[in-house]
Structures are given as C-alpha cells and as structure tokens.
PDB file of N, CA and C in Angstrom:
ATOM      1  N   MET A   1      97.230  91.239 112.394  1.00  0.00           N
ATOM      2  CA  MET A   1      96.417  90.531 113.354  1.00  0.00           C
ATOM      3  C   MET A   1      95.680  89.406 112.654  1.00  0.00           C
ATOM      4  N   ALA A   2      95.767  88.253 113.177  1.00  0.00           N
ATOM      5  CA  ALA A   2      95.100  87.113 112.567  1.00  0.00           C
ATOM      6  C   ALA A   2      93.912  86.683 113.410  1.00  0.00           C
ATOM      7  N   GLU A   3      92.887  86.190 112.736  1.00  0.00           N
ATOM      8  CA  GLU A   3      91.698  85.751 113.456  1.00  0.00           C
ATOM      9  C   GLU A   3      91.986  84.543 114.335  1.00  0.00           C
ATOM     10  N   ASN A   4      92.876  83.680 113.908  1.00  0.00           N
ATOM     11  CA  ASN A   4      93.105  82.442 114.625  1.00  0.00           C
ATOM     12  C   ASN A   4      93.869  82.621 115.935  1.00  0.00           C
ATOM     13  N   ASP A   5      94.423  83.783 116.231  1.00  0.00           N
ATOM     14  CA  ASP A   5      95.118  83.968 117.499  1.00  0.00           C
ATOM     15  C   ASP A   5      94.265  84.729 118.516  1.00  0.00           C
ATOM     16  N   GLY A   6      92.974  84.834 118.248  1.00  0.00           N
ATOM     17  CA  GLY A   6      92.049  85.441 119.188  1.00  0.00           C
ATOM     18  C   GLY A   6      91.878  86.943 119.040  1.00  0.00           C
ATOM     19  N   GLU A   7      92.671  87.576 118.209  1.00  0.00           N
ATOM     20  CA  GLU A   7      92.538  89.011 118.000  1.00  0.00           C
ATOM     21  C   GLU A   7      91.584  89.270 116.850  1.00  0.00           C
ATOM     22  N   SER A   8      90.850  90.369 116.954  1.00  0.00           N
ATOM     23  CA  SER A   8      89.941  90.704 115.865  1.00  0.00           C
ATOM     24  C   SER A   8      90.711  91.358 114.720  1.00  0.00           C
ATOM     25  N   VAL A   9      90.237  91.147 113.529  1.00  0.00           N
ATOM     26  CA  VAL A   9      90.858  91.713 112.338  1.00  0.00           C
ATOM     27  C   VAL A   9      90.196  93.062 112.071  1.00  0.00           C
ATOM     28  N   PRO A  10      90.981  94.131 111.965  1.00  0.00           N
ATOM     29  CA  PRO A  10      90.369  95.440 111.710  1.00  0.00           C
ATOM     30  C   PRO A  10      89.771  95.494 110.306  1.00  0.00           C
ATOM     31  N   PRO A  11      88.698  96.259 110.151  1.00  0.00           N
ATOM     32  CA  PRO A  11      88.110  96.367 108.815  1.00  0.00           C
ATOM     33  C   PRO A  11      88.991  97.217 107.900  1.00  0.00           C
ATOM     34  N   TRP A  12      88.840  96.991 106.621  1.00  0.00           N
ATOM     35  CA  TRP A  12      89.454  97.844 105.601  1.00  0.00           C
ATOM     36  C   TRP A  12      88.371  98.776 105.103  1.00  0.00           C
ATOM     37  N   PHE A  13      88.776  99.962 104.672  1.00  0.00           N
ATOM     38  CA  PHE A  13      87.828 100.954 104.190  1.00  0.00           C
ATOM     39  C   PHE A  13      88.154 101.352 102.758  1.00  0.00           C
ATOM     40  N   VAL A  14      87.116 101.551 101.970  1.00  0.00           N
ATOM     41  CA  VAL A  14      87.236 102.233 100.688  1.00  0.00           C
ATOM     42  C   VAL A  14      86.854 103.670 100.984  1.00  0.00           C
ATOM     43  N   TYR A  15      87.693 104.604 100.565  1.00  0.00           N
ATOM     44  CA  TYR A  15      87.397 106.007 100.823  1.00  0.00           C
ATOM     45  C   TYR A  15      87.435 106.780  99.510  1.00  0.00           C
ATOM     46  N   LEU A  16      86.680 107.868  99.488  1.00  0.00           N
ATOM     47  CA  LEU A  16      86.617 108.726  98.306  1.00  0.00           C
ATOM     48  C   LEU A  16      86.964 110.146  98.717  1.00  0.00           C
ATOM     49  N   ILE A  17      87.896 110.750  97.977  1.00  0.00           N
ATOM     50  CA  ILE A  17      88.362 112.096  98.245  1.00  0.00           C
ATOM     51  C   ILE A  17      88.026 112.979  97.049  1.00  0.00           C
ATOM     52  N   GLU A  18      87.474 114.145  97.330  1.00  0.00           N
ATOM     53  CA  GLU A  18      87.286 115.129  96.266  1.00  0.00           C
ATOM     54  C   GLU A  18      88.556 115.960  96.176  1.00  0.00           C
ATOM     55  N   CYS A  19      89.095 116.063  94.983  1.00  0.00           N
ATOM     56  CA  CYS A  19      90.309 116.843  94.757  1.00  0.00           C
ATOM     57  C   CYS A  19      89.946 118.264  94.356  1.00  0.00           C
ATOM     58  N   ARG A  20      90.902 119.172  94.451  1.00  0.00           N
ATOM     59  CA  ARG A  20      90.655 120.591  94.161  1.00  0.00           C
ATOM     60  C   ARG A  20      90.161 120.835  92.739  1.00  0.00           C
ATOM     61  N   ASP A  21      90.514 119.939  91.812  1.00  0.00           N
ATOM     62  CA  ASP A  21      90.062 120.113  90.425  1.00  0.00           C
ATOM     63  C   ASP A  21      88.689 119.484  90.178  1.00  0.00           C
ATOM     64  N   GLY A  22      88.057 118.970  91.247  1.00  0.00           N
ATOM     65  CA  GLY A  22      86.728 118.373  91.114  1.00  0.00           C
ATOM     66  C   GLY A  22      86.736 116.876  90.870  1.00  0.00           C
ATOM     67  N   SER A  23      87.909 116.298  90.632  1.00  0.00           N
ATOM     68  CA  SER A  23      87.986 114.854  90.416  1.00  0.00           C
ATOM     69  C   SER A  23      87.804 114.124  91.745  1.00  0.00           C
ATOM     70  N   ILE A  24      87.497 112.837  91.654  1.00  0.00           N
ATOM     71  CA  ILE A  24      87.330 112.019  92.850  1.00  0.00           C
ATOM     72  C   ILE A  24      88.381 110.922  92.843  1.00  0.00           C
ATOM     73  N   TYR A  25      89.165 110.875  93.925  1.00  0.00           N
ATOM     74  CA  TYR A  25      90.174 109.842  94.100  1.00  0.00           C
ATOM     75  C   TYR A  25      89.590 108.761  95.004  1.00  0.00           C
ATOM     76  N   THR A  26      89.828 107.506  94.660  1.00  0.00           N
ATOM     77  CA  THR A  26      89.350 106.378  95.452  1.00  0.00           C
ATOM     78  C   THR A  26      90.539 105.550  95.910  1.00  0.00           C
ATOM     79  N   GLY A  27      90.539 105.162  97.183  1.00  0.00           N
ATOM     80  CA  GLY A  27      91.612 104.338  97.713  1.00  0.00           C
ATOM     81  C   GLY A  27      91.099 103.442  98.820  1.00  0.00           C
ATOM     82  N   ILE A  28      92.005 102.615  99.367  1.00  0.00           N
ATOM     83  CA  ILE A  28      91.650 101.761 100.498  1.00  0.00           C
ATOM     84  C   ILE A  28      92.661 101.976 101.624  1.00  0.00           C
ATOM     85  N   ALA A  29      92.206 101.757 102.847  1.00  0.00           N
ATOM     86  CA  ALA A  29      93.085 101.904 104.010  1.00  0.00           C
ATOM     87  C   ALA A  29      92.415 101.284 105.231  1.00  0.00           C
ATOM     88  N   ILE A  30      93.215 100.980 106.219  1.00  0.00           N
ATOM     89  CA  ILE A  30      92.672 100.565 107.513  1.00  0.00           C
ATOM     90  C   ILE A  30      92.363 101.806 108.344  1.00  0.00           C
ATOM     91  N   ASP A  31      93.251 102.792 108.298  1.00  0.00           N
ATOM     92  CA  ASP A  31      93.084 104.042 109.046  1.00  0.00           C
ATOM     93  C   ASP A  31      92.866 105.171 108.043  1.00  0.00           C
ATOM     94  N   VAL A  32      91.613 105.481 107.780  1.00  0.00           N
ATOM     95  CA  VAL A  32      91.277 106.480 106.755  1.00  0.00           C
ATOM     96  C   VAL A  32      91.789 107.862 107.138  1.00  0.00           C
ATOM     97  N   ALA A  33      91.669 108.231 108.400  1.00  0.00           N
ATOM     98  CA  ALA A  33      92.124 109.566 108.820  1.00  0.00           C
ATOM     99  C   ALA A  33      93.625 109.735 108.584  1.00  0.00           C
ATOM    100  N   ALA A  34      94.397 108.725 108.913  1.00  0.00           N
ATOM    101  CA  ALA A  34      95.850 108.801 108.703  1.00  0.00           C
ATOM    102  C   ALA A  34      96.179 108.832 107.213  1.00  0.00           C
ATOM    103  N   ARG A  35      95.467 108.056 106.436  1.00  0.00           N
ATOM    104  CA  ARG A  35      95.727 108.022 104.994  1.00  0.00           C
ATOM    105  C   ARG A  35      95.352 109.354 104.355  1.00  0.00           C
ATOM    106  N   TYR A  36      94.220 109.929 104.773  1.00  0.00           N
ATOM    107  CA  TYR A  36      93.810 111.230 104.251  1.00  0.00           C
ATOM    108  C   TYR A  36      94.851 112.297 104.626  1.00  0.00           C
ATOM    109  N   ALA A  37      95.345 112.250 105.846  1.00  0.00           N
ATOM    110  CA  ALA A  37      96.389 113.197 106.267  1.00  0.00           C
ATOM    111  C   ALA A  37      97.634 113.043 105.399  1.00  0.00           C
ATOM    112  N   ALA A  38      97.977 111.803 105.045  1.00  0.00           N
ATOM    113  CA  ALA A  38      99.134 111.578 104.169  1.00  0.00           C
ATOM    114  C   ALA A  38      98.891 112.197 102.797  1.00  0.00           C
ATOM    115  N   HIS A  39      97.679 112.028 102.274  1.00  0.00           N
ATOM    116  CA  HIS A  39      97.362 112.647 100.981  1.00  0.00           C
ATOM    117  C   HIS A  39      97.481 114.173 101.082  1.00  0.00           C
ATOM    118  N   CYS A  40      96.952 114.750 102.150  1.00  0.00           N
ATOM    119  CA  CYS A  40      96.971 116.208 102.314  1.00  0.00           C
ATOM    120  C   CYS A  40      98.386 116.757 102.465  1.00  0.00           C
ATOM    121  N   SER A  41      99.272 115.964 103.047  1.00  0.00           N
ATOM    122  CA  SER A  41     100.646 116.433 103.256  1.00  0.00           C
ATOM    123  C   SER A  41     101.554 116.165 102.057  1.00  0.00           C
ATOM    124  N   GLY A  42     100.990 115.582 100.990  1.00  0.00           N
ATOM    125  CA  GLY A  42     101.780 115.314  99.796  1.00  0.00           C
ATOM    126  C   GLY A  42     102.527 113.998  99.848  1.00  0.00           C
ATOM    127  N   LYS A  43     102.243 113.173 100.846  1.00  0.00           N
ATOM    128  CA  LYS A  43     102.929 111.891 100.978  1.00  0.00           C
ATOM    129  C   LYS A  43     102.018 110.716 100.647  1.00  0.00           C
ATOM    130  N   GLY A  44     100.877 110.998 100.047  1.00  0.00           N
ATOM    131  CA  GLY A  44      99.949 109.936  99.669  1.00  0.00           C
ATOM    132  C   GLY A  44     100.244 109.455  98.263  1.00  0.00           C
ATOM    133  N   ALA A  45      99.230 109.123  97.545  1.00  0.00           N
ATOM    134  CA  ALA A  45      99.357 108.611  96.184  1.00  0.00           C
ATOM    135  C   ALA A  45      99.883 109.688  95.230  1.00  0.00           C
ATOM    136  N   ARG A  46     100.500 109.233  94.166  1.00  0.00           N
ATOM    137  CA  ARG A  46     101.002 110.152  93.144  1.00  0.00           C
ATOM    138  C   ARG A  46      99.870 111.034  92.609  1.00  0.00           C
ATOM    139  N   TYR A  47      98.688 110.429  92.444  1.00  0.00           N
ATOM    140  CA  TYR A  47      97.548 111.181  91.909  1.00  0.00           C
ATOM    141  C   TYR A  47      97.222 112.380  92.799  1.00  0.00           C
ATOM    142  N   THR A  48      97.195 112.187  94.113  1.00  0.00           N
ATOM    143  CA  THR A  48      96.823 113.296  95.003  1.00  0.00           C
ATOM    144  C   THR A  48      97.954 114.296  95.203  1.00  0.00           C
ATOM    145  N   ARG A  49      99.167 113.947  94.791  1.00  0.00           N
ATOM    146  CA  ARG A  49     100.224 114.952  94.787  1.00  0.00           C
ATOM    147  C   ARG A  49     100.001 115.915  93.623  1.00  0.00           C
ATOM    148  N   ALA A  50      99.500 115.405  92.506  1.00  0.00           N
ATOM    149  CA  ALA A  50      99.222 116.242  91.334  1.00  0.00           C
ATOM    150  C   ALA A  50      97.844 116.898  91.402  1.00  0.00           C
ATOM    151  N   HIS A  51      96.922 116.274  92.147  1.00  0.00           N
ATOM    152  CA  HIS A  51      95.548 116.762  92.292  1.00  0.00           C
ATOM    153  C   HIS A  51      95.257 116.828  93.795  1.00  0.00           C
ATOM    154  N   PRO A  52      95.692 117.903  94.456  1.00  0.00           N
ATOM    155  CA  PRO A  52      95.591 117.965  95.923  1.00  0.00           C
ATOM    156  C   PRO A  52      94.159 117.755  96.436  1.00  0.00           C
ATOM    157  N   PRO A  53      94.025 117.082  97.574  1.00  0.00           N
ATOM    158  CA  PRO A  53      92.709 116.823  98.154  1.00  0.00           C
ATOM    159  C   PRO A  53      92.019 118.095  98.628  1.00  0.00           C
ATOM    160  N   LEU A  54      90.726 118.116  98.468  1.00  0.00           N
ATOM    161  CA  LEU A  54      89.898 119.203  98.978  1.00  0.00           C
ATOM    162  C   LEU A  54      89.181 118.746 100.244  1.00  0.00           C
ATOM    163  N   ARG A  55      88.568 117.538 100.160  1.00  0.00           N
ATOM    164  CA  ARG A  55      87.855 117.009 101.324  1.00  0.00           C
ATOM    165  C   ARG A  55      87.632 115.509 101.175  1.00  0.00           C
ATOM    166  N   LEU A  56      87.477 114.858 102.301  1.00  0.00           N
ATOM    167  CA  LEU A  56      87.122 113.447 102.336  1.00  0.00           C
ATOM    168  C   LEU A  56      85.618 113.369 102.172  1.00  0.00           C
ATOM    169  N   LEU A  57      85.169 112.648 101.148  1.00  0.00           N
ATOM    170  CA  LEU A  57      83.741 112.586 100.853  1.00  0.00           C
ATOM    171  C   LEU A  57      83.020 111.492 101.623  1.00  0.00           C
ATOM    172  N   ALA A  58      83.562 110.285 101.616  1.00  0.00           N
ATOM    173  CA  ALA A  58      82.890 109.155 102.258  1.00  0.00           C
ATOM    174  C   ALA A  58      83.871 108.012 102.429  1.00  0.00           C
ATOM    175  N   SER A  59      83.512 107.100 103.318  1.00  0.00           N
ATOM    176  CA  SER A  59      84.265 105.858 103.456  1.00  0.00           C
ATOM    177  C   SER A  59      83.280 104.750 103.804  1.00  0.00           C
ATOM    178  N   VAL A  60      83.604 103.558 103.339  1.00  0.00           N
ATOM    179  CA  VAL A  60      82.751 102.392 103.570  1.00  0.00           C
ATOM    180  C   VAL A  60      83.629 101.261 104.092  1.00  0.00           C
ATOM    181  N   ALA A  61      83.205 100.629 105.180  1.00  0.00           N
ATOM    182  CA  ALA A  61      83.971  99.542 105.790  1.00  0.00           C
ATOM    183  C   ALA A  61      83.714  98.220 105.078  1.00  0.00           C
ATOM    184  N   TYR A  62      84.777  97.428 104.955  1.00  0.00           N
ATOM    185  CA  TYR A  62      84.703  96.079 104.385  1.00  0.00           C
ATOM    186  C   TYR A  62      85.403  95.125 105.351  1.00  0.00           C
ATOM    187  N   PRO A  63      85.000  93.876 105.366  1.00  0.00           N
ATOM    188  CA  PRO A  63      85.553  92.943 106.353  1.00  0.00           C
ATOM    189  C   PRO A  63      87.018  92.577 106.145  1.00  0.00           C
ATOM    190  N   ASP A  64      87.511  92.732 104.908  1.00  0.00           N
ATOM    191  CA  ASP A  64      88.903  92.350 104.643  1.00  0.00           C
ATOM    192  C   ASP A  64      89.448  93.140 103.461  1.00  0.00           C
ATOM    193  N   ARG A  65      90.752  93.041 103.275  1.00  0.00           N
ATOM    194  CA  ARG A  65      91.432  93.790 102.213  1.00  0.00           C
ATOM    195  C   ARG A  65      90.925  93.392 100.828  1.00  0.00           C
ATOM    196  N   SER A  66      90.708  92.109 100.631  1.00  0.00           N
ATOM    197  CA  SER A  66      90.253  91.626  99.327  1.00  0.00           C
ATOM    198  C   SER A  66      88.919  92.257  98.935  1.00  0.00           C
ATOM    199  N   SER A  67      87.981  92.288  99.849  1.00  0.00           N
ATOM    200  CA  SER A  67      86.675  92.900  99.566  1.00  0.00           C
ATOM    201  C   SER A  67      86.819  94.382  99.259  1.00  0.00           C
ATOM    202  N   ALA A  68      87.672  95.061 100.021  1.00  0.00           N
ATOM    203  CA  ALA A  68      87.881  96.489  99.796  1.00  0.00           C
ATOM    204  C   ALA A  68      88.518  96.746  98.434  1.00  0.00           C
ATOM    205  N   LEU A  69      89.496  95.914  98.056  1.00  0.00           N
ATOM    206  CA  LEU A  69      90.138  96.068  96.743  1.00  0.00           C
ATOM    207  C   LEU A  69      89.150  95.860  95.604  1.00  0.00           C
ATOM    208  N   LYS A  70      88.271  94.888  95.746  1.00  0.00           N
ATOM    209  CA  LYS A  70      87.266  94.637  94.707  1.00  0.00           C
ATOM    210  C   LYS A  70      86.312  95.813  94.579  1.00  0.00           C
ATOM    211  N   ALA A  71      85.882  96.368  95.714  1.00  0.00           N
ATOM    212  CA  ALA A  71      84.992  97.527  95.677  1.00  0.00           C
ATOM    213  C   ALA A  71      85.707  98.737  95.081  1.00  0.00           C
ATOM    214  N   GLU A  72      86.971  98.929  95.451  1.00  0.00           N
ATOM    215  CA  GLU A  72      87.756 100.034  94.898  1.00  0.00           C
ATOM    216  C   GLU A  72      87.847  99.911  93.378  1.00  0.00           C
ATOM    217  N   TYR A  73      88.101  98.721  92.892  1.00  0.00           N
ATOM    218  CA  TYR A  73      88.197  98.500  91.448  1.00  0.00           C
ATOM    219  C   TYR A  73      86.875  98.850  90.763  1.00  0.00           C
ATOM    220  N   ARG A  74      85.764  98.390  91.341  1.00  0.00           N
ATOM    221  CA  ARG A  74      84.451  98.694  90.742  1.00  0.00           C
ATOM    222  C   ARG A  74      84.210 100.197  90.680  1.00  0.00           C
ATOM    223  N   ILE A  75      84.570 100.896  91.745  1.00  0.00           N
ATOM    224  CA  ILE A  75      84.365 102.346  91.767  1.00  0.00           C
ATOM    225  C   ILE A  75      85.246 103.032  90.736  1.00  0.00           C
ATOM    226  N   LYS A  76      86.489 102.597  90.608  1.00  0.00           N
ATOM    227  CA  LYS A  76      87.402 103.227  89.655  1.00  0.00           C
ATOM    228  C   LYS A  76      86.966 103.026  88.210  1.00  0.00           C
ATOM    229  N   GLN A  77      86.100 102.051  87.949  1.00  0.00           N
ATOM    230  CA  GLN A  77      85.594 101.826  86.596  1.00  0.00           C
ATOM    231  C   GLN A  77      84.444 102.769  86.245  1.00  0.00           C
ATOM    232  N   LEU A  78      83.895 103.472  87.231  1.00  0.00           N
ATOM    233  CA  LEU A  78      82.767 104.369  87.006  1.00  0.00           C
ATOM    234  C   LEU A  78      83.207 105.659  86.316  1.00  0.00           C
ATOM    235  N   THR A  79      82.279 106.272  85.623  1.00  0.00           N
ATOM    236  CA  THR A  79      82.532 107.599  85.056  1.00  0.00           C
ATOM    237  C   THR A  79      82.527 108.613  86.201  1.00  0.00           C
ATOM    238  N   ALA A  80      83.026 109.807  85.927  1.00  0.00           N
ATOM    239  CA  ALA A  80      83.047 110.862  86.945  1.00  0.00           C
ATOM    240  C   ALA A  80      81.634 111.151  87.445  1.00  0.00           C
ATOM    241  N   ALA A  81      80.683 111.229  86.528  1.00  0.00           N
ATOM    242  CA  ALA A  81      79.293 111.507  86.917  1.00  0.00           C
ATOM    243  C   ALA A  81      78.745 110.392  87.809  1.00  0.00           C
ATOM    244  N   ASP A  82      79.055 109.150  87.465  1.00  0.00           N
ATOM    245  CA  ASP A  82      78.593 108.023  88.275  1.00  0.00           C
ATOM    246  C   ASP A  82      79.245 108.025  89.661  1.00  0.00           C
ATOM    247  N   LYS A  83      80.509 108.440  89.740  1.00  0.00           N
ATOM    248  CA  LYS A  83      81.170 108.534  91.043  1.00  0.00           C
ATOM    249  C   LYS A  83      80.486 109.580  91.915  1.00  0.00           C
ATOM    250  N   HIS A  84      80.124 110.707  91.322  1.00  0.00           N
ATOM    251  CA  HIS A  84      79.432 111.752  92.082  1.00  0.00           C
ATOM    252  C   HIS A  84      78.066 111.254  92.562  1.00  0.00           C
ATOM    253  N   ARG A  85      77.358 110.499  91.713  1.00  0.00           N
ATOM    254  CA  ARG A  85      76.072 109.920  92.127  1.00  0.00           C
ATOM    255  C   ARG A  85      76.274 108.907  93.254  1.00  0.00           C
ATOM    256  N   LEU A  86      77.322 108.105  93.154  1.00  0.00           N
ATOM    257  CA  LEU A  86      77.628 107.125  94.196  1.00  0.00           C
ATOM    258  C   LEU A  86      77.885 107.829  95.524  1.00  0.00           C
ATOM    259  N   VAL A  87      78.670 108.889  95.497  1.00  0.00           N
ATOM    260  CA  VAL A  87      78.962 109.635  96.724  1.00  0.00           C
ATOM    261  C   VAL A  87      77.671 110.176  97.327  1.00  0.00           C
ATOM    262  N   ALA A  88      76.807 110.744  96.503  1.00  0.00           N
ATOM    263  CA  ALA A  88      75.536 111.271  97.002  1.00  0.00           C
ATOM    264  C   ALA A  88      74.710 110.160  97.646  1.00  0.00           C
ATOM    265  N   ASP A  89      74.688 109.003  97.015  1.00  0.00           N
ATOM    266  CA  ASP A  89      73.946 107.860  97.549  1.00  0.00           C
ATOM    267  C   ASP A  89      74.560 107.378  98.862  1.00  0.00           C
ATOM    268  N   LEU A  90      75.885 107.275  98.913  1.00  0.00           N
ATOM    269  CA  LEU A  90      76.558 106.830 100.134  1.00  0.00           C
ATOM    270  C   LEU A  90      76.297 107.791 101.289  1.00  0.00           C
ATOM    271  N   LEU A  91      76.357 109.077 101.009  1.00  0.00           N
ATOM    272  CA  LEU A  91      76.106 110.064 102.060  1.00  0.00           C
ATOM    273  C   LEU A  91      74.664 110.006 102.535  1.00  0.00           C
ATOM    274  N   ALA A  92      73.741 109.770 101.611  1.00  0.00           N
ATOM    275  CA  ALA A  92      72.329 109.657 101.980  1.00  0.00           C
ATOM    276  C   ALA A  92      72.092 108.441 102.875  1.00  0.00           C
ATOM    277  N   ARG A  93      72.905 107.396 102.671  1.00  0.00           N
ATOM    278  CA  ARG A  93      72.770 106.175 103.474  1.00  0.00           C
ATOM    279  C   ARG A  93      73.676 106.173 104.696  1.00  0.00           C
ATOM    280  N   GLY A  94      74.427 107.252 104.903  1.00  0.00           N
ATOM    281  CA  GLY A  94      75.310 107.331 106.065  1.00  0.00           C
ATOM    282  C   GLY A  94      76.521 106.426 105.953  1.00  0.00           C
ATOM    283  N   ALA A  95      77.102 106.304 104.775  1.00  0.00           N
ATOM    284  CA  ALA A  95      78.181 105.349 104.537  1.00  0.00           C
ATOM    285  C   ALA A  95      79.473 105.680 105.264  1.00  0.00           C
ATOM    286  N   SER A  96      79.662 106.912 105.690  1.00  0.00           N
ATOM    287  CA  SER A  96      80.920 107.251 106.343  1.00  0.00           C
ATOM    288  C   SER A  96      81.156 106.421 107.592  1.00  0.00           C
ATOM    289  N   SER A  97      80.096 105.990 108.232  1.00  0.00           N
ATOM    290  CA  SER A  97      80.271 105.168 109.422  1.00  0.00           C
ATOM    291  C   SER A  97      79.607 103.813 109.277  1.00  0.00           C
ATOM    292  N   ALA A  98      79.112 103.514 108.078  1.00  0.00           N
ATOM    293  CA  ALA A  98      78.410 102.246 107.866  1.00  0.00           C
ATOM    294  C   ALA A  98      79.377 101.106 107.688  1.00  0.00           C
ATOM    295  N   ASP A  99      78.938  99.902 108.007  1.00  0.00           N
ATOM    296  CA  ASP A  99      79.784  98.744 107.749  1.00  0.00           C
ATOM    297  C   ASP A  99      79.476  98.182 106.371  1.00  0.00           C
ATOM    298  N   ARG A 100      80.178  97.161 105.984  1.00  0.00           N
ATOM    299  CA  ARG A 100      80.108  96.593 104.644  1.00  0.00           C
ATOM    300  C   ARG A 100      78.724  96.037 104.293  1.00  0.00           C
ATOM    301  N   GLU A 101      78.014  95.543 105.274  1.00  0.00           N
ATOM    302  CA  GLU A 101      76.704  94.956 104.986  1.00  0.00           C
ATOM    303  C   GLU A 101      75.798  96.008 104.369  1.00  0.00           C
ATOM    304  N   ASN A 102      75.069  95.612 103.354  1.00  0.00           N
ATOM    305  CA  ASN A 102      74.114  96.455 102.638  1.00  0.00           C
ATOM    306  C   ASN A 102      74.767  97.529 101.779  1.00  0.00           C
ATOM    307  N   GLN A 103      76.076  97.531 101.670  1.00  0.00           N
ATOM    308  CA  GLN A 103      76.775  98.507 100.816  1.00  0.00           C
ATOM    309  C   GLN A 103      77.251  97.796  99.558  1.00  0.00           C
ATOM    310  N   LYS A 104      76.880  98.279  98.392  1.00  0.00           N
ATOM    311  CA  LYS A 104      77.276  97.659  97.129  1.00  0.00           C
ATOM    312  C   LYS A 104      77.834  98.697  96.158  1.00  0.00           C
ATOM    313  N   PRO A 105      78.951  99.360  96.498  1.00  0.00           N
ATOM    314  CA  PRO A 105      79.504 100.318  95.522  1.00  0.00           C
ATOM    315  C   PRO A 105      80.105  99.601  94.343  1.00  0.00           C
TER     316      PRO A 105
END
C-alpha cells in the first residue's frame, strides 16, 4: 500500500518474544499475531526453531519498515540483562499497544 494512492500505510512493529530457554528474540512484522503464530508452529525464524517461543513479551509500533529495522538493530545490540530491563520498561509504559511516538528502544 502506498501513501500516494490514498491508502494508509500499515505500521510495522518490533516485537520481543521470550523463548523457553529464557532468551529474548527480537523481530519485526506488520502482523505480530501471525508472525508469533509462525514462530510457535516452527515456521518462523531459524532461531525460534532452535529456541521455541514461550510468550510474546511486547510490541512497539513504528511508522515504517526502516524505523522498525533500526529499532530492531538497536535492541539486538543490547545485553540479555538490558533486554529484560527494556521489556520491563516497555510493559510499564504499555508498549504492546503504544505507537512509535515517545518510544525509544
């Protein structure tokens, strides 16, 4: 969908999944529920096939794919402890349904 043809562009989301081994997987998607279902069914990323998902921790909306990719990269550079702190902060701020404004992961 392009903005110039009158249709709205859907937001992209950065999502964080807690895996059964305690690790946190970070990814991007337009439809987080569908992507999480793919991870749970073994058809998602290679990482989640080896480290099955336990639960979806949080998701944050971004206006476009580029912004979501940049945020995903920043999160993936964090240590495990920092990722857990980020998740706690996002949940405290209601990030699962929040839009990109005021979110700086």
